[in-house]
């Protein structure tokens, strides 16, 4: 048995998975949170599953393109068709920013200064932004200039609502917090309203993800049925031309799934602070 087509297909699937992972990584110094330095357990598991799927597809069909498409599907489809975790994290971050703004407002109302208020609220800040606010408090205690530390916080959170809070805090740095408390109250209310709006939109767009899951399940069931019950129908794909046609068809399906996933995700609103060290 010639294993070279199988190994070629599995190698192509693994290479495609590595390329996709590399494209998703942020370049060094890019704002927007802590950059991942290695593969997570979920990514490693998905990669092993993709390689296994590519090997299984190649074993069943003896097609290198089937190995490539099978591995790529197992790698990409769970992220494309699964729950929109990025949206869930974004909503949790907005709610956390609103809660932190209220904590700062209440602390400032007790006549504490802004730096003291930041330090006091770090330990009780909601979990989605606690690490970033704790880093801000540590920078303030370490003697960093408050505006610089606040802009670093904005770069770490990379969230438009957080930018609004950071700008209000930056403008109030070195001054009494009397007017700041009103601003924080307004920003907290705005953040909660924005979270509610995004939740309603996400609920409506969930229908698109459901349609994508139905289309994917139907396509996989049809292909599996042909492979198991009517292999004669797939005989033309054994040739080189058939493999090229199969690759073209797989590319069309991949483009369609990518478009469905893109249509089901909410676009990120523009940020108020354009860069870590400069307000727009």
Foldseek 3Di string as FASTA:
>chain_A
DDCVLLVLLLVLLLVVLVVVVVVPFDDPPQFEADTDDDDDPVLVVLQVVLSVQLNVQCVLPVHSLSSNLRSNCSNPVCCLLPDVVVLVLLLVVLLLLLVLLLQLLVVLVVVDDNLVSLLVCLVVRDDSCSVLSNVLNVCVVVPHDNLLSLLSSCRNNVAQLSLQLSVLSNVCPPHRCPVVSVVSNVSSVVSVVVSVVSVVLLVVLVVLSVVLVVVVVVVVVVVVCCSVPPVVVVVVLVDPVNSVVVNVVSVVVVVVSVVSSVSSDDDGDDHQQPHSNGGD
